[in-house]
Structures are given as C-alpha cells and as structure tokens.
Protein backbone atom coordinates (compact mmCIF):
# COMPACT_ATOMS: atom_id res chain seq x y z
CA UNK A 1 -16.29 6.22 18.96
CA UNK A 2 -13.22 6.22 21.22
CA UNK A 3 -10.98 3.20 21.57
CA UNK A 4 -11.08 1.35 24.86
CA UNK A 5 -8.11 1.60 27.16
CA UNK A 6 -6.25 -1.77 26.92
CA UNK A 7 -4.80 -1.21 30.42
CA UNK A 8 -8.16 -0.61 32.11
CA UNK A 9 -8.28 -3.91 34.06
CA UNK A 10 -4.64 -3.85 35.21
CA UNK A 11 -3.58 -2.61 38.62
CA UNK A 12 -0.11 -1.81 37.32
CA UNK A 13 0.26 1.50 35.52
CA UNK A 14 0.60 1.60 31.75
CA UNK A 15 4.04 3.24 32.05
CA UNK A 16 5.45 0.25 33.94
CA UNK A 17 3.94 -2.22 31.48
CA UNK A 18 5.42 -0.34 28.51
CA UNK A 19 8.79 -0.20 30.27
CA UNK A 20 8.83 -3.94 30.98
CA UNK A 21 7.83 -4.85 27.43
CA UNK A 22 10.34 -2.41 25.95
CA UNK A 23 13.20 -3.83 28.04
CA UNK A 24 12.32 -7.36 27.02
CA UNK A 25 11.92 -6.71 23.30
CA UNK A 26 14.59 -4.06 22.78
CA UNK A 27 17.49 -5.71 24.62
CA UNK A 28 18.65 -9.37 24.65
CA UNK A 29 17.33 -9.98 28.16
CA UNK A 30 15.59 -12.98 29.67
CA UNK A 31 12.37 -12.66 31.64
CA UNK A 32 14.30 -12.99 34.89
CA UNK A 33 16.74 -10.28 33.81
CA UNK A 34 13.82 -7.89 33.28
CA UNK A 35 12.44 -8.84 36.69
CA UNK A 36 15.79 -8.04 38.37
CA UNK A 37 16.20 -4.72 36.55
CA UNK A 38 12.70 -3.62 37.49
CA UNK A 39 13.35 -4.67 41.09
CA UNK A 40 16.33 -2.31 41.19
CA UNK A 41 13.93 0.47 40.23
CA UNK A 42 11.55 -0.38 43.06
CA UNK A 43 9.10 -2.38 40.94
CA UNK A 44 8.44 -5.79 42.49
CA UNK A 45 6.91 -8.18 39.94
CA UNK A 46 7.38 -11.81 38.92
CA UNK A 47 9.04 -12.82 35.66
CA UNK A 48 5.83 -14.63 34.73
CA UNK A 49 4.10 -11.25 34.89
CA UNK A 50 6.60 -9.96 32.32
CA UNK A 51 5.81 -12.97 30.15
CA UNK A 52 2.08 -12.28 30.41
CA UNK A 53 2.55 -8.61 29.57
CA UNK A 54 4.69 -9.48 26.57
CA UNK A 55 2.18 -12.00 25.23
CA UNK A 56 -0.71 -9.58 25.81
CA UNK A 57 0.75 -6.26 24.70
CA UNK A 58 3.73 -7.19 22.50
CA UNK A 59 1.68 -7.90 19.35
CA UNK A 60 -0.54 -4.91 20.15
CA UNK A 61 2.42 -2.53 20.37
CA UNK A 62 3.94 -4.01 17.21
CA UNK A 63 0.70 -3.54 15.27
CA UNK A 64 0.41 0.11 16.32
CA UNK A 65 4.04 0.82 15.42
CA UNK A 66 3.52 -0.79 12.02
CA UNK A 67 0.36 1.23 11.47
CA UNK A 68 2.06 4.51 12.33
CA UNK A 69 5.01 3.78 10.08
CA UNK A 70 2.75 2.97 7.14
CA UNK A 71 0.75 6.15 7.68
CA UNK A 72 3.86 8.27 8.15
CA UNK A 73 5.84 7.12 5.13
CA UNK A 74 5.51 4.85 2.15
CA UNK A 75 7.23 1.46 2.52
CA UNK A 76 10.49 0.90 0.69
CA UNK A 77 10.09 -0.80 -2.68
CA UNK A 78 13.53 -0.18 -4.13
CA UNK A 79 15.64 -3.13 -2.91
CA UNK A 80 14.74 -6.07 -0.70
CA UNK A 81 17.09 -8.69 0.72
CA UNK A 82 15.77 -12.21 1.30
CA UNK A 83 17.50 -14.85 3.36
CA UNK A 84 16.79 -17.83 5.60
CA UNK A 85 18.36 -19.04 8.83
CA UNK A 86 18.30 -22.39 10.62
CA UNK A 87 16.47 -22.59 13.96
CA UNK A 88 16.47 -25.63 16.24
CA UNK A 89 13.14 -26.38 17.99
CA UNK A 90 13.18 -29.45 20.24
CA UNK A 91 16.01 -30.91 18.20
CA UNK A 92 14.25 -30.41 14.87
CA UNK A 93 15.42 -27.94 12.23
CA UNK A 94 13.09 -25.18 11.12
CA UNK A 95 13.74 -22.33 8.69
CA UNK A 96 13.16 -18.67 9.46
CA UNK A 97 12.75 -16.63 6.27
CA UNK A 98 13.35 -12.92 6.54
CA UNK A 99 12.93 -9.97 4.17
CA UNK A 100 14.66 -6.66 4.90
CA UNK A 101 14.87 -3.45 2.91
CA UNK A 102 18.01 -1.58 1.81
CA UNK A 103 18.24 0.16 5.21
CA UNK A 104 18.09 -3.07 7.19
CA UNK A 105 14.52 -2.75 8.43
CA UNK A 106 12.73 -6.06 8.77
CA UNK A 107 9.73 -6.25 6.46
CA UNK A 108 8.48 -9.77 7.04
CA UNK A 109 9.41 -12.98 8.88
CA UNK A 110 8.04 -16.44 8.26
CA UNK A 111 8.79 -19.88 9.73
CA UNK A 112 8.56 -23.07 7.67
CA UNK A 113 9.33 -26.74 8.18
CA UNK A 114 11.15 -27.23 4.89
CA UNK A 115 13.30 -25.10 2.61
CA UNK A 116 11.93 -25.52 -0.90
CA UNK A 117 10.07 -23.66 -3.65
CA UNK A 118 6.62 -23.85 -2.08
CA UNK A 119 7.81 -22.31 1.20
CA UNK A 120 9.71 -19.51 -0.54
CA UNK A 121 6.76 -18.81 -2.85
CA UNK A 122 4.36 -18.50 0.09
CA UNK A 123 6.76 -16.20 1.92
CA UNK A 124 7.37 -14.05 -1.16
CA UNK A 125 3.65 -13.65 -1.89
CA UNK A 126 2.98 -12.77 1.74
CA UNK A 127 5.63 -10.06 1.65
CA UNK A 128 4.47 -8.59 -1.64
CA UNK A 129 0.85 -8.59 -0.52
CA UNK A 130 1.68 -6.43 2.49
CA UNK A 131 4.41 -4.20 1.01
CA UNK A 132 3.72 -4.20 -2.72
CA UNK A 133 6.05 -5.00 -5.61
CA UNK A 134 9.77 -4.28 -5.49
CA UNK A 135 12.32 -3.22 -8.08
CA UNK A 136 15.27 -5.40 -6.99
CA UNK A 137 15.34 -8.64 -4.98
CA UNK A 138 18.71 -9.71 -3.58
CA UNK A 139 19.05 -13.38 -2.60
CA UNK A 140 21.68 -16.06 -2.24
CA UNK A 141 22.06 -18.84 -4.80
CA UNK A 142 19.48 -21.17 -3.28
CA UNK A 143 17.52 -22.72 -6.16
CA UNK A 144 14.13 -22.32 -4.47
CA UNK A 145 14.48 -18.53 -4.82
CA UNK A 146 14.85 -18.75 -8.57
CA UNK A 147 11.97 -21.21 -8.87
CA UNK A 148 9.68 -18.95 -6.84
CA UNK A 149 10.74 -15.90 -8.87
CA UNK A 150 9.64 -17.63 -12.07
CA UNK A 151 6.15 -18.17 -10.65
CA UNK A 152 5.64 -14.54 -9.59
CA UNK A 153 7.46 -13.12 -12.61
CA UNK A 154 10.43 -11.53 -10.82
CA UNK A 155 13.27 -13.39 -12.52
CA UNK A 156 14.64 -10.19 -14.10
CA UNK A 157 14.58 -8.46 -10.71
CA UNK A 158 16.65 -11.04 -8.85
CA UNK A 159 20.29 -10.36 -7.98
CA UNK A 160 22.75 -12.80 -6.45
CA UNK A 161 26.28 -12.27 -5.30
CA UNK A 162 28.82 -13.20 -2.67
CA UNK A 163 28.48 -10.09 -0.51
CA UNK A 164 25.33 -8.50 -1.91
CA UNK A 165 23.11 -10.06 0.75
CA UNK A 166 25.00 -8.85 3.83
CA UNK A 167 21.99 -6.76 4.85
CA UNK A 168 19.91 -9.87 5.38
CA UNK A 169 22.77 -11.74 7.03
CA UNK A 170 23.29 -8.93 9.55
CA UNK A 171 19.57 -8.81 10.31
CA UNK A 172 19.85 -12.31 11.79
CA UNK A 173 22.29 -11.19 14.49
CA UNK A 174 19.73 -9.56 16.84
CA UNK A 175 17.56 -12.66 16.55
CA UNK A 176 20.47 -14.93 17.41
CA UNK A 177 21.21 -12.86 20.52
CA UNK A 178 17.57 -13.11 21.58
CA UNK A 179 17.53 -16.84 20.89
CA UNK A 180 20.45 -17.38 23.28
CA UNK A 181 18.88 -15.18 25.97
CA UNK A 182 15.59 -17.11 25.72
CA UNK A 183 17.37 -20.50 25.73
CA UNK A 184 15.91 -21.24 22.30
CA UNK A 185 12.32 -21.79 21.30
CA UNK A 186 10.21 -24.84 22.10
CA UNK A 187 7.32 -24.43 19.67
CA UNK A 188 6.99 -23.20 16.10
CA UNK A 189 3.98 -21.14 17.10
CA UNK A 190 5.99 -19.31 19.77
CA UNK A 191 8.79 -18.62 17.29
CA UNK A 192 6.42 -17.24 14.65
CA UNK A 193 4.64 -15.06 17.20
CA UNK A 194 7.90 -13.69 18.57
CA UNK A 195 9.54 -12.83 15.24
CA UNK A 196 6.33 -11.18 14.01
CA UNK A 197 6.02 -9.02 17.12
CA UNK A 198 9.75 -8.36 17.53
CA UNK A 199 10.34 -6.88 14.07
CA UNK A 200 8.35 -3.66 14.51
CA UNK A 201 9.86 -2.62 17.90
CA UNK A 202 13.31 -3.50 16.55
CA UNK A 203 12.77 -1.25 13.53
CA UNK A 204 11.38 1.45 15.83
CA UNK A 205 14.48 1.63 18.03
CA UNK A 206 17.05 0.77 15.35
CA UNK A 207 18.49 4.23 14.69
CA UNK A 208 21.51 3.17 12.59
CA UNK A 209 23.76 5.43 14.64
CA UNK A 210 26.62 5.13 12.14
CA UNK A 211 24.56 7.16 9.63
CA UNK A 212 23.98 10.17 11.91
CA UNK A 213 25.97 12.65 13.90
CA UNK A 214 25.83 12.30 17.67
CA UNK A 215 23.33 15.20 18.20
CA UNK A 216 20.95 13.86 15.53
CA UNK A 217 21.19 10.35 16.92
CA UNK A 218 20.22 11.59 20.39
CA UNK A 219 17.22 13.44 18.95
CA UNK A 220 16.05 10.37 17.02
CA UNK A 221 16.49 8.14 20.05
CA UNK A 222 14.52 10.52 22.26
CA UNK A 223 11.75 10.75 19.65
CA UNK A 224 11.51 6.95 19.39
CA UNK A 225 11.29 6.62 23.17
CA UNK A 226 8.62 9.33 23.41
CA UNK A 227 6.56 7.63 20.71
CA UNK A 228 6.86 4.29 22.52
CA UNK A 229 5.55 5.82 25.75
CA UNK A 230 2.50 7.01 23.81
CA UNK A 231 1.55 3.61 22.38
CA UNK A 232 -2.01 2.43 23.02
CA UNK A 233 -2.74 5.59 25.02
CA UNK A 234 -6.37 5.98 25.98
C-alpha cells in the first residue's frame, strides 16, 4: 500500500512548501521575513500561509527526519548533556529541559511549569524510553537531577562540573535566537510543539563546520539539502 501524497489538496507545489518551511525552521526568521524573501523570488503568499504550512508540515517533516536518522544509524548512548533554560510565557516563567548528545544534537525537549524532581524524572524517563540507556549523564549541580538519578538508578553515571555542560548551554543559543525572532511564545502548547518539531530539522542542517574541511562541509550541506527536498515525496 502506497502512502498518500500529503500535498495532494494544495495548489502550491511541494517544492515551494518545503522551501518556506525550511527557511522558517532553519534560520531565525519571522513569518513576515519568510514572506518577504519568497516575494523576492517571485512567490506571492501571505505570512499566515507560512504559519499554516509550518503547523501542518513542520511536525511531519520532523518525524520523517527522525525516522530516517534512526534507521540510518544507532542513536548515541555514550554521553548526554542535560540542562534547563528559563522561558517567559505571558509573564510567567516556564522551564525548557533539553538533552543533547556529545556532538550537540538535540535528543529531547520538554516544557514544565516547575523545576523540581518530578519534572526532571518525567523528562529523564521520556528521553531514555526513546533513546535507551546512556553511559554518562552530564548535568549542572541542580539537586533535582541527583534526586531523579537515584530513582532511575543512574547516580554512578552522573557527572557535574563547571564547564562540563557547555554542550547543553550552547544548544540553547539557536532557541534564544528563534525566541527573539518570534517575539516570544504565548502558550505552553505552542512552545512544546515548536521545540519538538524544531529539533530534528536543526540536527539535520547542523553540519558542525568546524569539524570538517571546506570540501567535505559543502558535500554534507548539499546532501542535507537534497534529502530535505525529498521529504514526504509521493
């Protein structure tokens, strides 16, 4: 049985939809910025159309990227970095928990109202359920991490240090740029949906150019772009 074409009821071509979604998720652009850039390329659409495309196809693209990465290689279980960041939503503080591997790829993101043992335990179990057990867990000195580690039996795997968790700290920077471009978030549901769908495309295009020579970086970038253009193909 063949999969149905998700673009079958849209008058706009799939190439334009993929381009609009890629521009919005890959770069720190607002919806109106994407509208202006597409207009320069002769594509006349409204920024609300970009919003609709992102809400419709963003999670779909992210799920397919995640599926291909899992099928293509085994997930990293050597070293994970866990950290949380403060997010303001309508004047109220929320906490965005993030787990990244030793190469800086985002494994899981989770939004909670409070920062305590129960929230960290739920986030840790969610990450381990999807990616399996890990050998080393690097965290800061927040007490809720240690309390959650005791429950799941990972106390001997936890490492803390002043600069050990820079991987997780640096993974917050792209989110902060997106938060400023989007003029912050207004609902917890929107934040959770965005961080869940943003992680996979970010990992897909994050080539870590400092690790490669210029020719290899260009090949990897071209391969990532070609794979993106093939997402959800009929």
